[in-house]
């Protein structure tokens, strides 16, 4: 854990929520959120590579598939959800397939469609690494999301913490 923590001091702190007043509160809060998630993502890249030996973008694909039924998702849907070009996604899926972490099959009833699913190997690796990955996210968020950022985000979505979570539709 000490090896992971040594890089935290090298990271810049998130900008403050105070700002100069040039940006509206909603845009300032959005920029604070982007800065915080960017900092978390930067920290997570190293841990993902060490834990799973995949790139961060490949990790995002694995996480997306992990939250789906075992049947997987169509590649076009993965591209939409991750905001990635289909050509880049095709390369990343091929890399994951070569390492035995995903399977690709033709979609039932549509020979042009490709469905991607996690393998049991990928499920096992994600389960084994989930603790250290969750700790990394938690530690990075606690470092980069301070009281000013929380206040800005609460102003952006005032009742966010009070609202019950609704299940998301695929």
Protein backbone atom coordinates (compact mmCIF):
# COMPACT_ATOMS: atom_id res chain seq x y z
CA UNK A 1 0.00 0.00 0.00
CA UNK A 2 2.91 2.37 0.67
CA UNK A 3 4.05 2.06 -2.94
CA UNK A 4 0.64 3.24 -4.10
CA UNK A 5 0.53 6.13 -1.61
CA UNK A 6 3.91 7.55 -2.57
CA UNK A 7 2.48 8.91 -5.83
CA UNK A 8 -0.41 10.74 -4.17
CA UNK A 9 1.79 13.65 -3.13
CA UNK A 10 2.81 14.14 -6.77
CA UNK A 11 -0.79 14.72 -7.85
CA UNK A 12 -2.24 18.24 -8.06
CA UNK A 13 -5.11 19.09 -5.78
CA UNK A 14 -8.56 19.71 -7.21
CA UNK A 15 -9.42 23.33 -7.96
CA UNK A 16 -11.51 25.09 -5.38
CA UNK A 17 -15.23 25.61 -5.71
CA UNK A 18 -14.91 29.31 -4.99
CA UNK A 19 -13.76 30.37 -8.42
CA UNK A 20 -13.71 33.91 -9.78
CA UNK A 21 -17.40 34.03 -10.57
CA UNK A 22 -16.81 33.90 -14.32
CA UNK A 23 -18.42 30.47 -14.67
CA UNK A 24 -21.98 29.69 -13.60
CA UNK A 25 -22.21 27.44 -10.54
CA UNK A 26 -23.37 24.45 -12.61
CA UNK A 27 -20.41 24.62 -14.98
CA UNK A 28 -17.96 25.19 -12.12
CA UNK A 29 -19.39 22.14 -10.30
CA UNK A 30 -19.12 20.07 -13.49
CA UNK A 31 -15.48 21.11 -13.92
CA UNK A 32 -14.78 20.15 -10.29
CA UNK A 33 -16.37 16.76 -10.89
CA UNK A 34 -14.28 16.24 -14.03
CA UNK A 35 -11.10 17.22 -12.19
CA UNK A 36 -11.84 14.80 -9.35
CA UNK A 37 -12.76 11.90 -11.62
CA UNK A 38 -9.72 12.59 -13.78
CA UNK A 39 -7.51 12.38 -10.71
CA UNK A 40 -9.15 9.11 -9.65
CA UNK A 41 -8.81 7.72 -13.17
CA UNK A 42 -5.11 8.63 -13.27
CA UNK A 43 -4.48 6.80 -9.98
CA UNK A 44 -6.59 3.83 -11.06
CA UNK A 45 -4.63 3.35 -14.30
CA UNK A 46 -1.55 2.16 -12.44
CA UNK A 47 -3.44 -0.13 -10.09
CA UNK A 48 -5.47 -1.65 -12.95
CA UNK A 49 -2.29 -2.41 -14.88
CA UNK A 50 -0.65 -3.97 -11.80
CA UNK A 51 -3.75 -5.94 -10.73
CA UNK A 52 -5.28 -7.06 -14.02
CA UNK A 53 -2.56 -6.41 -16.62
CA UNK A 54 -4.99 -4.57 -18.92
CA UNK A 55 -5.21 -0.97 -20.07
CA UNK A 56 -7.60 1.44 -18.38
CA UNK A 57 -9.89 1.45 -21.44
CA UNK A 58 -9.94 -2.36 -21.45
CA UNK A 59 -10.75 -2.24 -17.74
CA UNK A 60 -13.75 -0.01 -18.45
CA UNK A 61 -15.03 -2.58 -20.93
CA UNK A 62 -14.59 -5.36 -18.36
CA UNK A 63 -16.44 -3.33 -15.71
CA UNK A 64 -19.27 -2.57 -18.08
CA UNK A 65 -19.62 -6.24 -19.00
CA UNK A 66 -19.39 -7.28 -15.34
CA UNK A 67 -22.58 -5.38 -14.63
CA UNK A 68 -24.49 -7.14 -17.42
CA UNK A 69 -26.16 -10.53 -17.58
CA UNK A 70 -23.85 -13.36 -18.65
CA UNK A 71 -25.18 -13.01 -22.20
CA UNK A 72 -23.07 -9.87 -22.65
CA UNK A 73 -23.62 -6.75 -24.73
CA UNK A 74 -23.53 -5.85 -28.38
CA UNK A 75 -20.39 -4.01 -29.42
CA UNK A 76 -22.42 -1.06 -30.68
CA UNK A 77 -23.99 -0.68 -27.22
CA UNK A 78 -20.57 -0.87 -25.52
CA UNK A 79 -19.30 1.86 -27.85
CA UNK A 80 -22.34 4.03 -27.02
CA UNK A 81 -22.06 3.55 -23.25
CA UNK A 82 -18.32 4.24 -23.16
CA UNK A 83 -18.37 6.97 -25.78
CA UNK A 84 -15.68 5.20 -27.79
CA UNK A 85 -15.29 4.91 -31.56
CA UNK A 86 -16.24 1.46 -32.82
CA UNK A 87 -12.88 0.97 -34.54
CA UNK A 88 -10.95 1.56 -31.30
CA UNK A 89 -13.36 -0.69 -29.43
CA UNK A 90 -12.82 -3.50 -31.96
CA UNK A 91 -9.07 -3.39 -31.24
CA UNK A 92 -9.60 -3.38 -27.46
CA UNK A 93 -12.07 -6.28 -27.62
CA UNK A 94 -9.58 -8.25 -29.76
CA UNK A 95 -6.88 -7.67 -27.12
CA UNK A 96 -9.22 -8.83 -24.35
CA UNK A 97 -10.23 -11.86 -26.39
CA UNK A 98 -6.57 -12.86 -26.98
CA UNK A 99 -5.96 -12.82 -23.23
CA UNK A 100 -9.04 -14.97 -22.62
CA UNK A 101 -11.05 -12.32 -20.79
CA UNK A 102 -13.97 -11.93 -23.23
CA UNK A 103 -15.74 -13.90 -25.91
CA UNK A 104 -17.20 -12.57 -29.16
CA UNK A 105 -20.13 -14.17 -30.92
CA UNK A 106 -22.53 -13.21 -33.68
CA UNK A 107 -25.75 -11.76 -32.38
CA UNK A 108 -28.71 -14.08 -32.64
CA UNK A 109 -30.76 -13.14 -35.68
CA UNK A 110 -28.31 -10.47 -36.87
CA UNK A 111 -25.12 -11.75 -38.43
CA UNK A 112 -23.62 -8.24 -38.54
CA UNK A 113 -24.03 -7.73 -34.78
CA UNK A 114 -21.37 -8.94 -32.37
CA UNK A 115 -22.08 -9.76 -28.72
CA UNK A 116 -19.23 -9.56 -26.20
CA UNK A 117 -19.32 -11.34 -22.83
CA UNK A 118 -16.95 -11.88 -19.93
CA UNK A 119 -15.27 -15.24 -19.50
CA UNK A 120 -15.13 -17.01 -16.16
CA UNK A 121 -11.42 -16.09 -16.05
CA UNK A 122 -12.30 -12.37 -16.28
CA UNK A 123 -14.99 -12.71 -13.60
CA UNK A 124 -12.49 -14.40 -11.29
CA UNK A 125 -9.79 -11.75 -11.91
CA UNK A 126 -12.23 -8.89 -11.32
CA UNK A 127 -13.44 -10.48 -8.13
CA UNK A 128 -9.88 -10.99 -6.88
CA UNK A 129 -8.86 -7.40 -7.71
CA UNK A 130 -12.07 -5.69 -6.62
CA UNK A 131 -10.88 -4.94 -3.08
CA UNK A 132 -7.70 -3.14 -4.09
CA UNK A 133 -9.49 -1.32 -6.93
CA UNK A 134 -12.29 -0.14 -4.63
CA UNK A 135 -9.72 1.00 -2.05
CA UNK A 136 -7.88 2.95 -4.76
CA UNK A 137 -11.06 4.74 -5.82
CA UNK A 138 -12.04 5.49 -2.23
CA UNK A 139 -8.57 6.82 -1.33
CA UNK A 140 -8.31 8.97 -4.44
CA UNK A 141 -11.80 10.41 -3.97
CA UNK A 142 -11.09 11.25 -0.33
CA UNK A 143 -7.95 13.09 -1.46
CA UNK A 144 -9.46 15.00 -4.37
CA UNK A 145 -13.03 15.67 -3.27
CA UNK A 146 -12.92 18.02 -0.30
CA UNK A 147 -15.55 20.15 1.39
CA UNK A 148 -15.53 22.81 -1.35
CA UNK A 149 -16.06 20.24 -4.08
CA UNK A 150 -18.85 18.54 -2.11
CA UNK A 151 -20.54 21.90 -1.61
CA UNK A 152 -20.36 22.72 -5.33
CA UNK A 153 -21.70 19.30 -6.30
CA UNK A 154 -24.48 19.51 -3.71
CA UNK A 155 -25.49 22.87 -5.17
CA UNK A 156 -25.57 21.31 -8.63
CA UNK A 157 -27.76 18.39 -7.51
CA UNK A 158 -29.25 19.55 -4.18
CA UNK A 159 -31.24 16.45 -3.28
CA UNK A 160 -28.77 13.90 -4.66
CA UNK A 161 -27.81 12.35 -1.32
CA UNK A 162 -31.43 12.22 -0.16
CA UNK A 163 -32.89 10.56 -3.26
CA UNK A 164 -33.25 6.78 -3.25
CA UNK A 165 -31.28 5.09 -6.02
CA UNK A 166 -33.41 3.91 -8.91
CA UNK A 167 -32.32 0.87 -10.89
CA UNK A 168 -30.90 1.87 -14.25
CA UNK A 169 -32.34 0.43 -17.41
CA UNK A 170 -29.86 -1.12 -19.85
